[in-house]
Amino acid sequence: MTRQISCVSKIITRASSFCLYFLRSCVCHNYNTYHTHIHRHTHTHTHMWQRQWTDTGKGAVTKAFFPFVRNRLRGKIPIFPEFTVLVTGHGKLRSYLHRFGITDNPMCPCEEEEQTADHLIFQCKRLTNQRNNMIKQIKDTGGDWPTTKETLVNNYLHIFVNFAKSIDFTDLQ
């Protein structure tokens, strides 16, 4: 049993995602067999998850950043409120709060349009300095602007995270 736990521990440190309940039904005797079973099971679940993600009508903002489940599972995404707001469209956005009757007005304080995640990333006048800094860093690494949201998180995550951290939502309410 100790050897099996050791094998599973090695797999956990190497795998980005897998289902533990599968291990209960798997009686294997070496690391390679465990790894093969878990890899096969993970691939199947990722495929099913992708199909559900593609078929759902929900999560449109998040899908633009993470259209492929396998790519999202590969990367380590920092989780903090400002980043979450931008990649989900939920939280401290006036358009989101207005949907639930929490604010009377969905318009951004810059008075250009509704305050959405796209507006903050690509257009808000109040974030011009932060956006210009992000654009400069992306171009300095050989990237193009404008870019897709998927490219922002896949190729320029660190730069995009810094942009998100620079947003003061209290100033945007």
N, C-alpha and C. Protein backbone atom coordinates (compact mmCIF):
# COMPACT_ATOMS: atom_id res chain seq x y z
N MET A 1 0.82 -1.19 0.00
CA MET A 1 0.00 0.00 0.00
C MET A 1 0.86 1.26 0.00
N THR A 2 1.97 1.27 0.73
CA THR A 2 2.86 2.42 0.76
C THR A 2 3.43 2.69 -0.62
N ARG A 3 3.76 1.62 -1.33
CA ARG A 3 4.30 1.77 -2.68
C ARG A 3 3.25 2.38 -3.61
N GLN A 4 1.99 1.97 -3.46
CA GLN A 4 0.92 2.51 -4.29
C GLN A 4 0.72 4.00 -4.00
N ILE A 5 0.76 4.37 -2.74
CA ILE A 5 0.62 5.78 -2.37
C ILE A 5 1.76 6.59 -2.95
N SER A 6 2.96 6.04 -2.91
CA SER A 6 4.12 6.72 -3.48
C SER A 6 3.93 6.93 -4.97
N CYS A 7 3.43 5.91 -5.68
CA CYS A 7 3.18 6.02 -7.12
C CYS A 7 2.14 7.10 -7.42
N VAL A 8 1.08 7.09 -6.66
CA VAL A 8 0.03 8.07 -6.86
C VAL A 8 0.57 9.47 -6.57
N SER A 9 1.39 9.61 -5.56
CA SER A 9 1.98 10.89 -5.23
C SER A 9 2.82 11.43 -6.38
N LYS A 10 3.59 10.55 -7.03
CA LYS A 10 4.38 10.97 -8.19
C LYS A 10 3.49 11.44 -9.32
N ILE A 11 2.39 10.76 -9.53
CA ILE A 11 1.47 11.13 -10.61
C ILE A 11 0.82 12.46 -10.30
N ILE A 12 0.41 12.67 -9.08
CA ILE A 12 -0.24 13.92 -8.70
C ILE A 12 0.69 15.10 -8.96
N THR A 13 1.97 14.94 -8.65
CA THR A 13 2.89 16.05 -8.87
C THR A 13 3.16 16.29 -10.34
N ARG A 14 2.95 15.30 -11.20
CA ARG A 14 3.19 15.44 -12.64
C ARG A 14 1.94 15.81 -13.41
N ALA A 15 0.78 15.40 -12.94
CA ALA A 15 -0.46 15.61 -13.68
C ALA A 15 -1.03 16.98 -13.37
N SER A 16 -1.66 17.59 -14.37
CA SER A 16 -2.31 18.88 -14.14
C SER A 16 -3.72 18.67 -13.60
N SER A 17 -4.31 17.51 -13.90
CA SER A 17 -5.67 17.23 -13.44
C SER A 17 -5.97 15.76 -13.63
N PHE A 18 -6.68 15.18 -12.68
CA PHE A 18 -7.15 13.81 -12.84
C PHE A 18 -8.20 13.53 -11.80
N CYS A 19 -8.91 12.45 -11.97
CA CYS A 19 -10.01 12.10 -11.07
C CYS A 19 -9.55 11.05 -10.08
N LEU A 20 -9.57 11.37 -8.80
CA LEU A 20 -9.12 10.43 -7.80
C LEU A 20 -10.03 9.20 -7.69
N TYR A 21 -11.33 9.37 -7.91
CA TYR A 21 -12.22 8.24 -7.73
C TYR A 21 -11.85 7.09 -8.66
N PHE A 22 -11.19 7.36 -9.74
CA PHE A 22 -10.79 6.30 -10.67
C PHE A 22 -9.76 5.37 -10.01
N LEU A 23 -8.95 5.93 -9.14
CA LEU A 23 -7.88 5.14 -8.53
C LEU A 23 -8.43 4.01 -7.65
N ARG A 24 -9.61 4.20 -7.06
CA ARG A 24 -10.17 3.16 -6.19
C ARG A 24 -10.41 1.86 -6.96
N SER A 25 -10.82 1.98 -8.21
CA SER A 25 -11.14 0.78 -8.98
C SER A 25 -9.93 0.23 -9.72
N CYS A 26 -8.82 0.89 -9.60
CA CYS A 26 -7.62 0.51 -10.35
C CYS A 26 -6.66 -0.24 -9.43
N VAL A 27 -6.41 -1.48 -9.71
CA VAL A 27 -5.46 -2.25 -8.93
C VAL A 27 -4.24 -2.45 -9.82
N CYS A 28 -3.26 -1.60 -9.62
CA CYS A 28 -2.06 -1.62 -10.46
C CYS A 28 -0.84 -1.87 -9.59
N HIS A 29 0.22 -2.32 -10.24
CA HIS A 29 1.38 -2.71 -9.46
C HIS A 29 2.62 -1.89 -9.74
N ASN A 30 2.56 -0.98 -10.68
CA ASN A 30 3.73 -0.14 -10.88
C ASN A 30 3.32 1.24 -11.37
N TYR A 31 4.26 2.14 -11.32
CA TYR A 31 4.03 3.54 -11.68
C TYR A 31 3.51 3.69 -13.11
N ASN A 32 4.11 2.99 -14.08
CA ASN A 32 3.71 3.13 -15.47
C ASN A 32 2.25 2.73 -15.70
N THR A 33 1.81 1.69 -15.02
CA THR A 33 0.42 1.26 -15.17
C THR A 33 -0.51 2.31 -14.58
N TYR A 34 -0.19 2.85 -13.40
CA TYR A 34 -0.99 3.92 -12.81
C TYR A 34 -1.05 5.10 -13.77
N HIS A 35 0.10 5.50 -14.29
CA HIS A 35 0.18 6.66 -15.17
C HIS A 35 -0.66 6.45 -16.42
N THR A 36 -0.62 5.27 -17.01
CA THR A 36 -1.40 4.96 -18.22
C THR A 36 -2.89 5.05 -17.92
N HIS A 37 -3.32 4.45 -16.81
CA HIS A 37 -4.74 4.50 -16.45
C HIS A 37 -5.20 5.94 -16.22
N ILE A 38 -4.43 6.69 -15.47
CA ILE A 38 -4.82 8.05 -15.16
C ILE A 38 -4.80 8.92 -16.41
N HIS A 39 -3.79 8.76 -17.26
CA HIS A 39 -3.71 9.54 -18.48
C HIS A 39 -4.94 9.27 -19.36
N ARG A 40 -5.28 8.01 -19.53
CA ARG A 40 -6.43 7.65 -20.36
C ARG A 40 -7.71 8.24 -19.78
N HIS A 41 -7.87 8.13 -18.47
CA HIS A 41 -9.06 8.63 -17.81
C HIS A 41 -9.14 10.16 -17.88
N THR A 42 -8.02 10.83 -17.66
CA THR A 42 -7.97 12.29 -17.72
C THR A 42 -8.32 12.77 -19.12
N HIS A 43 -7.77 12.12 -20.14
CA HIS A 43 -8.04 12.50 -21.52
C HIS A 43 -9.54 12.39 -21.83
N THR A 44 -10.16 11.32 -21.39
CA THR A 44 -11.58 11.12 -21.63
C THR A 44 -12.40 12.21 -20.95
N HIS A 45 -12.08 12.51 -19.70
CA HIS A 45 -12.83 13.53 -18.98
C HIS A 45 -12.59 14.92 -19.56
N THR A 46 -11.39 15.20 -20.00
CA THR A 46 -11.10 16.49 -20.62
C THR A 46 -11.90 16.64 -21.90
N HIS A 47 -12.00 15.58 -22.69
CA HIS A 47 -12.77 15.61 -23.93
C HIS A 47 -14.26 15.86 -23.62
N MET A 48 -14.78 15.19 -22.62
CA MET A 48 -16.19 15.38 -22.23
C MET A 48 -16.41 16.81 -21.73
N TRP A 49 -15.47 17.28 -20.92
CA TRP A 49 -15.57 18.63 -20.37
C TRP A 49 -15.53 19.65 -21.51
N GLN A 50 -14.66 19.43 -22.50
CA GLN A 50 -14.57 20.35 -23.63
C GLN A 50 -15.89 20.39 -24.40
N ARG A 51 -16.49 19.24 -24.60
CA ARG A 51 -17.76 19.18 -25.33
C ARG A 51 -18.83 19.97 -24.56
N GLN A 52 -18.88 19.80 -23.25
CA GLN A 52 -19.86 20.54 -22.44
C GLN A 52 -19.58 22.04 -22.50
N TRP A 53 -18.30 22.40 -22.43
CA TRP A 53 -17.89 23.81 -22.45
C TRP A 53 -18.26 24.45 -23.80
N THR A 54 -18.04 23.72 -24.87
CA THR A 54 -18.37 24.22 -26.20
C THR A 54 -19.88 24.37 -26.39
N ASP A 55 -20.63 23.41 -25.88
CA ASP A 55 -22.07 23.37 -26.11
C ASP A 55 -22.88 24.34 -25.24
N THR A 56 -22.34 24.74 -24.10
CA THR A 56 -23.13 25.59 -23.20
C THR A 56 -23.25 27.00 -23.75
N GLY A 57 -24.36 27.62 -23.45
CA GLY A 57 -24.58 29.01 -23.85
C GLY A 57 -24.10 29.99 -22.80
N LYS A 58 -23.54 29.48 -21.74
CA LYS A 58 -23.08 30.33 -20.64
C LYS A 58 -21.57 30.54 -20.72
N GLY A 59 -21.08 31.54 -20.00
CA GLY A 59 -19.64 31.76 -19.89
C GLY A 59 -19.00 32.37 -21.12
N ALA A 60 -19.74 33.18 -21.87
CA ALA A 60 -19.21 33.73 -23.13
C ALA A 60 -17.93 34.53 -22.92
N VAL A 61 -17.88 35.34 -21.87
CA VAL A 61 -16.68 36.14 -21.62
C VAL A 61 -15.50 35.22 -21.33
N THR A 62 -15.70 34.26 -20.46
CA THR A 62 -14.62 33.34 -20.09
C THR A 62 -14.19 32.47 -21.28
N LYS A 63 -15.14 32.06 -22.11
CA LYS A 63 -14.80 31.26 -23.30
C LYS A 63 -13.88 32.00 -24.25
N ALA A 64 -14.02 33.32 -24.32
CA ALA A 64 -13.14 34.10 -25.19
C ALA A 64 -11.69 34.04 -24.72
N PHE A 65 -11.49 33.91 -23.42
CA PHE A 65 -10.14 33.79 -22.86
C PHE A 65 -9.65 32.35 -22.88
N PHE A 66 -10.57 31.43 -22.58
CA PHE A 66 -10.21 30.01 -22.43
C PHE A 66 -11.14 29.13 -23.27
N PRO A 67 -11.00 29.14 -24.60
CA PRO A 67 -11.89 28.32 -25.42
C PRO A 67 -11.60 26.82 -25.33
N PHE A 68 -10.38 26.47 -24.92
CA PHE A 68 -10.00 25.06 -24.87
C PHE A 68 -9.65 24.66 -23.44
N VAL A 69 -10.38 23.69 -22.93
CA VAL A 69 -10.20 23.21 -21.56
C VAL A 69 -8.76 22.74 -21.35
N ARG A 70 -8.21 22.00 -22.29
CA ARG A 70 -6.86 21.46 -22.11
C ARG A 70 -5.83 22.57 -21.92
N ASN A 71 -5.98 23.68 -22.66
CA ASN A 71 -5.04 24.79 -22.50
C ASN A 71 -5.18 25.44 -21.14
N ARG A 72 -6.40 25.56 -20.66
CA ARG A 72 -6.62 26.16 -19.34
C ARG A 72 -6.03 25.28 -18.24
N LEU A 73 -6.15 23.98 -18.38
CA LEU A 73 -5.63 23.08 -17.37
C LEU A 73 -4.11 23.05 -17.33
N ARG A 74 -3.48 23.33 -18.44
CA ARG A 74 -2.01 23.31 -18.50
C ARG A 74 -1.37 24.46 -17.74
N GLY A 75 -2.01 25.60 -17.74
CA GLY A 75 -1.40 26.78 -17.16
C GLY A 75 -1.83 27.05 -15.74
N LYS A 76 -0.98 27.74 -15.02
CA LYS A 76 -1.33 28.18 -13.67
C LYS A 76 -1.82 29.61 -13.78
N ILE A 77 -3.07 29.79 -13.46
CA ILE A 77 -3.70 31.10 -13.58
C ILE A 77 -3.80 31.71 -12.19
N PRO A 78 -3.29 32.93 -12.05
CA PRO A 78 -3.43 33.59 -10.75
C PRO A 78 -4.89 33.95 -10.50
N ILE A 79 -5.30 33.80 -9.28
CA ILE A 79 -6.69 34.11 -8.95
C ILE A 79 -6.70 35.26 -7.96
N PHE A 80 -7.19 36.40 -8.43
CA PHE A 80 -7.40 37.56 -7.57
C PHE A 80 -8.57 38.34 -8.16
N PRO A 81 -9.25 39.15 -7.38
CA PRO A 81 -10.52 39.74 -7.81
C PRO A 81 -10.48 40.47 -9.16
N GLU A 82 -9.49 41.31 -9.39
CA GLU A 82 -9.45 42.10 -10.62
C GLU A 82 -9.31 41.20 -11.86
N PHE A 83 -8.48 40.19 -11.76
CA PHE A 83 -8.28 39.25 -12.87
C PHE A 83 -9.58 38.48 -13.13
N THR A 84 -10.19 38.02 -12.05
CA THR A 84 -11.44 37.26 -12.18
C THR A 84 -12.53 38.09 -12.84
N VAL A 85 -12.63 39.36 -12.48
CA VAL A 85 -13.61 40.24 -13.10
C VAL A 85 -13.39 40.31 -14.61
N LEU A 86 -12.14 40.46 -15.03
CA LEU A 86 -11.84 40.61 -16.46
C LEU A 86 -12.09 39.34 -17.25
N VAL A 87 -11.80 38.18 -16.68
CA VAL A 87 -11.95 36.94 -17.46
C VAL A 87 -13.31 36.29 -17.31
N THR A 88 -14.16 36.82 -16.42
CA THR A 88 -15.51 36.26 -16.28
C THR A 88 -16.60 37.26 -16.63
N GLY A 89 -16.29 38.55 -16.51
CA GLY A 89 -17.33 39.56 -16.70
C GLY A 89 -18.25 39.67 -15.50
N HIS A 90 -17.89 39.03 -14.40
CA HIS A 90 -18.68 39.06 -13.17
C HIS A 90 -17.94 39.87 -12.12
N GLY A 91 -18.68 40.43 -11.20
CA GLY A 91 -18.04 41.13 -10.09
C GLY A 91 -18.26 42.63 -10.18
N LYS A 92 -17.20 43.36 -9.98
CA LYS A 92 -17.29 44.82 -9.82
C LYS A 92 -17.41 45.57 -11.14
N LEU A 93 -18.13 45.05 -12.08
CA LEU A 93 -18.40 45.76 -13.33
C LEU A 93 -19.79 46.37 -13.24
N ARG A 94 -19.91 47.61 -13.63
CA ARG A 94 -21.21 48.29 -13.54
C ARG A 94 -22.27 47.58 -14.38
N SER A 95 -21.90 47.06 -15.54
CA SER A 95 -22.89 46.36 -16.36
C SER A 95 -23.39 45.10 -15.65
N TYR A 96 -22.51 44.41 -14.96
CA TYR A 96 -22.89 43.20 -14.22
C TYR A 96 -23.77 43.56 -13.02
N LEU A 97 -23.35 44.56 -12.27
CA LEU A 97 -24.11 44.99 -11.10
C LEU A 97 -25.49 45.53 -11.51
N HIS A 98 -25.56 46.18 -12.65
CA HIS A 98 -26.83 46.70 -13.15
C HIS A 98 -27.80 45.57 -13.50
N ARG A 99 -27.29 44.48 -14.03
CA ARG A 99 -28.14 43.33 -14.36
C ARG A 99 -28.93 42.84 -13.15
N PHE A 100 -28.35 43.00 -11.96
CA PHE A 100 -28.98 42.51 -10.74
C PHE A 100 -29.62 43.63 -9.92
N GLY A 101 -29.71 44.81 -10.51
CA GLY A 101 -30.36 45.92 -9.84
C GLY A 101 -29.55 46.51 -8.70
N ILE A 102 -28.26 46.26 -8.66
CA ILE A 102 -27.41 46.77 -7.58
C ILE A 102 -26.99 48.21 -7.86
N THR A 103 -26.84 48.54 -9.14
CA THR A 103 -26.57 49.93 -9.53
C THR A 103 -27.65 50.37 -10.50
N ASP A 104 -27.85 51.68 -10.57
CA ASP A 104 -28.87 52.22 -11.46
C ASP A 104 -28.37 52.38 -12.90
N ASN A 105 -27.07 52.41 -13.05
CA ASN A 105 -26.51 52.77 -14.35
C ASN A 105 -25.39 51.80 -14.75
N PRO A 106 -25.47 51.19 -15.93
CA PRO A 106 -24.42 50.27 -16.37
C PRO A 106 -23.24 50.98 -17.04
N MET A 107 -23.36 52.31 -17.22
CA MET A 107 -22.33 53.05 -17.94
C MET A 107 -21.05 53.19 -17.13
N CYS A 108 -19.94 53.15 -17.84
CA CYS A 108 -18.63 53.36 -17.22
C CYS A 108 -18.50 54.84 -16.85
N PRO A 109 -17.80 55.17 -15.78
CA PRO A 109 -17.59 56.57 -15.43
C PRO A 109 -16.87 57.38 -16.52
N CYS A 110 -16.22 56.71 -17.46
CA CYS A 110 -15.60 57.44 -18.57
C CYS A 110 -16.65 57.96 -19.54
N GLU A 111 -17.91 57.49 -19.38
CA GLU A 111 -19.08 57.94 -20.12
C GLU A 111 -19.07 57.58 -21.60
N GLU A 112 -18.26 56.60 -21.99
CA GLU A 112 -18.19 56.17 -23.39
C GLU A 112 -19.19 55.07 -23.70
N GLU A 113 -19.30 54.08 -22.82
CA GLU A 113 -20.20 52.95 -23.05
C GLU A 113 -20.38 52.18 -21.75
N GLU A 114 -21.15 51.08 -21.83
CA GLU A 114 -21.34 50.24 -20.65
C GLU A 114 -19.99 49.70 -20.18
N GLN A 115 -19.88 49.60 -18.87
CA GLN A 115 -18.63 49.10 -18.29
C GLN A 115 -18.63 47.57 -18.30
N THR A 116 -17.99 47.01 -19.31
CA THR A 116 -17.84 45.56 -19.45
C THR A 116 -16.36 45.23 -19.36
N ALA A 117 -16.05 43.95 -19.30
CA ALA A 117 -14.64 43.53 -19.29
C ALA A 117 -13.95 43.99 -20.57
N ASP A 118 -14.59 43.81 -21.72
CA ASP A 118 -14.00 44.26 -22.98
C ASP A 118 -13.73 45.76 -22.97
N HIS A 119 -14.69 46.51 -22.46
CA HIS A 119 -14.51 47.97 -22.41
C HIS A 119 -13.27 48.33 -21.60
N LEU A 120 -13.11 47.71 -20.43
CA LEU A 120 -11.96 48.03 -19.59
C LEU A 120 -10.64 47.63 -20.26
N ILE A 121 -10.61 46.47 -20.88
CA ILE A 121 -9.37 45.98 -21.50
C ILE A 121 -9.00 46.80 -22.74
N PHE A 122 -9.98 47.13 -23.57
CA PHE A 122 -9.66 47.68 -24.87
C PHE A 122 -9.99 49.16 -25.08
N GLN A 123 -10.84 49.78 -24.23
CA GLN A 123 -11.30 51.11 -24.59
C GLN A 123 -11.37 52.15 -23.49
N CYS A 124 -11.54 51.77 -22.26
CA CYS A 124 -11.82 52.74 -21.20
C CYS A 124 -10.74 53.83 -21.12
N LYS A 125 -11.21 55.08 -21.18
CA LYS A 125 -10.28 56.22 -21.14
C LYS A 125 -9.56 56.31 -19.78
N ARG A 126 -10.23 55.86 -18.75
CA ARG A 126 -9.62 55.95 -17.41
C ARG A 126 -8.45 54.96 -17.23
N LEU A 127 -8.36 53.98 -18.12
CA LEU A 127 -7.28 52.99 -18.04
C LEU A 127 -6.27 53.14 -19.19
N THR A 128 -6.27 54.30 -19.81
CA THR A 128 -5.39 54.52 -20.97
C THR A 128 -3.93 54.29 -20.62
N ASN A 129 -3.45 54.82 -19.51
CA ASN A 129 -2.03 54.65 -19.14
C ASN A 129 -1.69 53.18 -18.90
N GLN A 130 -2.54 52.49 -18.15
CA GLN A 130 -2.30 51.07 -17.88
C GLN A 130 -2.34 50.25 -19.17
N ARG A 131 -3.32 50.55 -20.03
CA ARG A 131 -3.45 49.83 -21.29
C ARG A 131 -2.24 50.10 -22.19
N ASN A 132 -1.83 51.36 -22.28
CA ASN A 132 -0.66 51.69 -23.11
C ASN A 132 0.59 50.97 -22.63
N ASN A 133 0.72 50.85 -21.31
CA ASN A 133 1.84 50.10 -20.74
C ASN A 133 1.77 48.63 -21.16
N MET A 134 0.56 48.05 -21.08
CA MET A 134 0.38 46.65 -21.48
C MET A 134 0.69 46.48 -22.97
N ILE A 135 0.18 47.38 -23.79
CA ILE A 135 0.41 47.30 -25.24
C ILE A 135 1.89 47.40 -25.55
N LYS A 136 2.58 48.31 -24.90
CA LYS A 136 4.02 48.48 -25.12
C LYS A 136 4.78 47.19 -24.77
N GLN A 137 4.44 46.61 -23.64
CA GLN A 137 5.12 45.37 -23.23
C GLN A 137 4.84 44.24 -24.21
N ILE A 138 3.61 44.14 -24.69
CA ILE A 138 3.27 43.09 -25.66
C ILE A 138 4.04 43.30 -26.95
N LYS A 139 4.08 44.54 -27.43
CA LYS A 139 4.81 44.84 -28.67
C LYS A 139 6.31 44.64 -28.49
N ASP A 140 6.83 44.96 -27.30
CA ASP A 140 8.26 44.77 -27.02
C ASP A 140 8.67 43.29 -27.08
N THR A 141 7.71 42.41 -26.86
CA THR A 141 8.01 40.97 -26.94
C THR A 141 7.73 40.41 -28.33
N GLY A 142 7.41 41.31 -29.27
CA GLY A 142 7.15 40.88 -30.64
C GLY A 142 5.69 40.61 -30.95
N GLY A 143 4.82 40.93 -30.02
CA GLY A 143 3.40 40.69 -30.22
C GLY A 143 2.70 41.82 -30.94
N ASP A 144 1.48 41.56 -31.33
CA ASP A 144 0.65 42.54 -32.04
C ASP A 144 -0.47 43.04 -31.14
N TRP A 145 -0.91 44.26 -31.42
CA TRP A 145 -2.08 44.82 -30.76
C TRP A 145 -2.95 45.46 -31.80
N PRO A 146 -4.25 45.28 -31.76
CA PRO A 146 -4.98 44.51 -30.75
C PRO A 146 -4.76 43.01 -30.94
N THR A 147 -5.03 42.31 -29.87
CA THR A 147 -4.87 40.86 -29.87
C THR A 147 -6.15 40.23 -29.33
N THR A 148 -6.23 38.93 -29.42
CA THR A 148 -7.41 38.25 -28.87
C THR A 148 -7.25 38.06 -27.37
N LYS A 149 -8.35 37.84 -26.71
CA LYS A 149 -8.30 37.57 -25.27
C LYS A 149 -7.61 36.24 -25.00
N GLU A 150 -7.81 35.28 -25.89
CA GLU A 150 -7.13 33.99 -25.75
C GLU A 150 -5.61 34.18 -25.82
N THR A 151 -5.15 35.02 -26.73
CA THR A 151 -3.72 35.29 -26.85
C THR A 151 -3.20 36.03 -25.62
N LEU A 152 -4.02 36.91 -25.05
CA LEU A 152 -3.60 37.61 -23.83
C LEU A 152 -3.23 36.64 -22.71
N VAL A 153 -4.06 35.61 -22.50
CA VAL A 153 -3.77 34.68 -21.40
C VAL A 153 -2.79 33.58 -21.81
N ASN A 154 -2.75 33.22 -23.08
CA ASN A 154 -1.83 32.15 -23.50
C ASN A 154 -0.41 32.65 -23.72
N ASN A 155 -0.26 33.85 -24.28
CA ASN A 155 1.07 34.33 -24.64
C ASN A 155 1.60 35.46 -23.76
N TYR A 156 0.69 36.21 -23.16
CA TYR A 156 1.09 37.40 -22.39
C TYR A 156 0.46 37.43 -21.01
N LEU A 157 0.35 36.28 -20.39
CA LEU A 157 -0.34 36.20 -19.10
C LEU A 157 0.26 37.14 -18.07
N HIS A 158 1.58 37.14 -17.93
CA HIS A 158 2.23 37.98 -16.92
C HIS A 158 1.92 39.46 -17.17
N ILE A 159 1.96 39.88 -18.41
CA ILE A 159 1.66 41.27 -18.76
C ILE A 159 0.20 41.59 -18.47
N PHE A 160 -0.68 40.68 -18.85
CA PHE A 160 -2.11 40.88 -18.62
C PHE A 160 -2.43 40.90 -17.12
N VAL A 161 -1.79 40.05 -16.36
CA VAL A 161 -1.98 40.03 -14.90
C VAL A 161 -1.57 41.38 -14.31
N ASN A 162 -0.44 41.92 -14.76
CA ASN A 162 -0.02 43.24 -14.26
C ASN A 162 -1.03 44.32 -14.62
N PHE A 163 -1.60 44.25 -15.81
CA PHE A 163 -2.65 45.18 -16.20
C PHE A 163 -3.84 45.05 -15.24
N ALA A 164 -4.27 43.82 -15.00
CA ALA A 164 -5.41 43.59 -14.10
C ALA A 164 -5.12 44.12 -12.70
N LYS A 165 -3.91 43.89 -12.21
CA LYS A 165 -3.54 44.37 -10.87
C LYS A 165 -3.52 45.89 -10.78
N SER A 166 -3.31 46.54 -11.91
CA SER A 166 -3.23 48.00 -11.91
C SER A 166 -4.61 48.68 -11.87
N ILE A 167 -5.67 47.91 -12.01
CA ILE A 167 -7.01 48.48 -12.05
C ILE A 167 -7.53 48.72 -10.62
N ASP A 168 -7.93 49.93 -10.37
CA ASP A 168 -8.54 50.28 -9.08
C ASP A 168 -10.05 50.39 -9.31
N PHE A 169 -10.77 49.33 -8.97
CA PHE A 169 -12.21 49.32 -9.24
C PHE A 169 -12.97 50.34 -8.40
N THR A 170 -12.43 50.75 -7.28
CA THR A 170 -13.13 51.79 -6.49
C THR A 170 -13.14 53.10 -7.27
N ASP A 171 -12.12 53.33 -8.09
CA ASP A 171 -12.06 54.53 -8.93
C ASP A 171 -13.02 54.42 -10.12
N LEU A 172 -13.43 53.20 -10.44
CA LEU A 172 -14.29 52.99 -11.61
C LEU A 172 -15.76 52.82 -11.24
N GLN A 173 -16.12 53.02 -9.98
CA GLN A 173 -17.52 52.87 -9.55
C GLN A 173 -18.20 54.17 -9.57
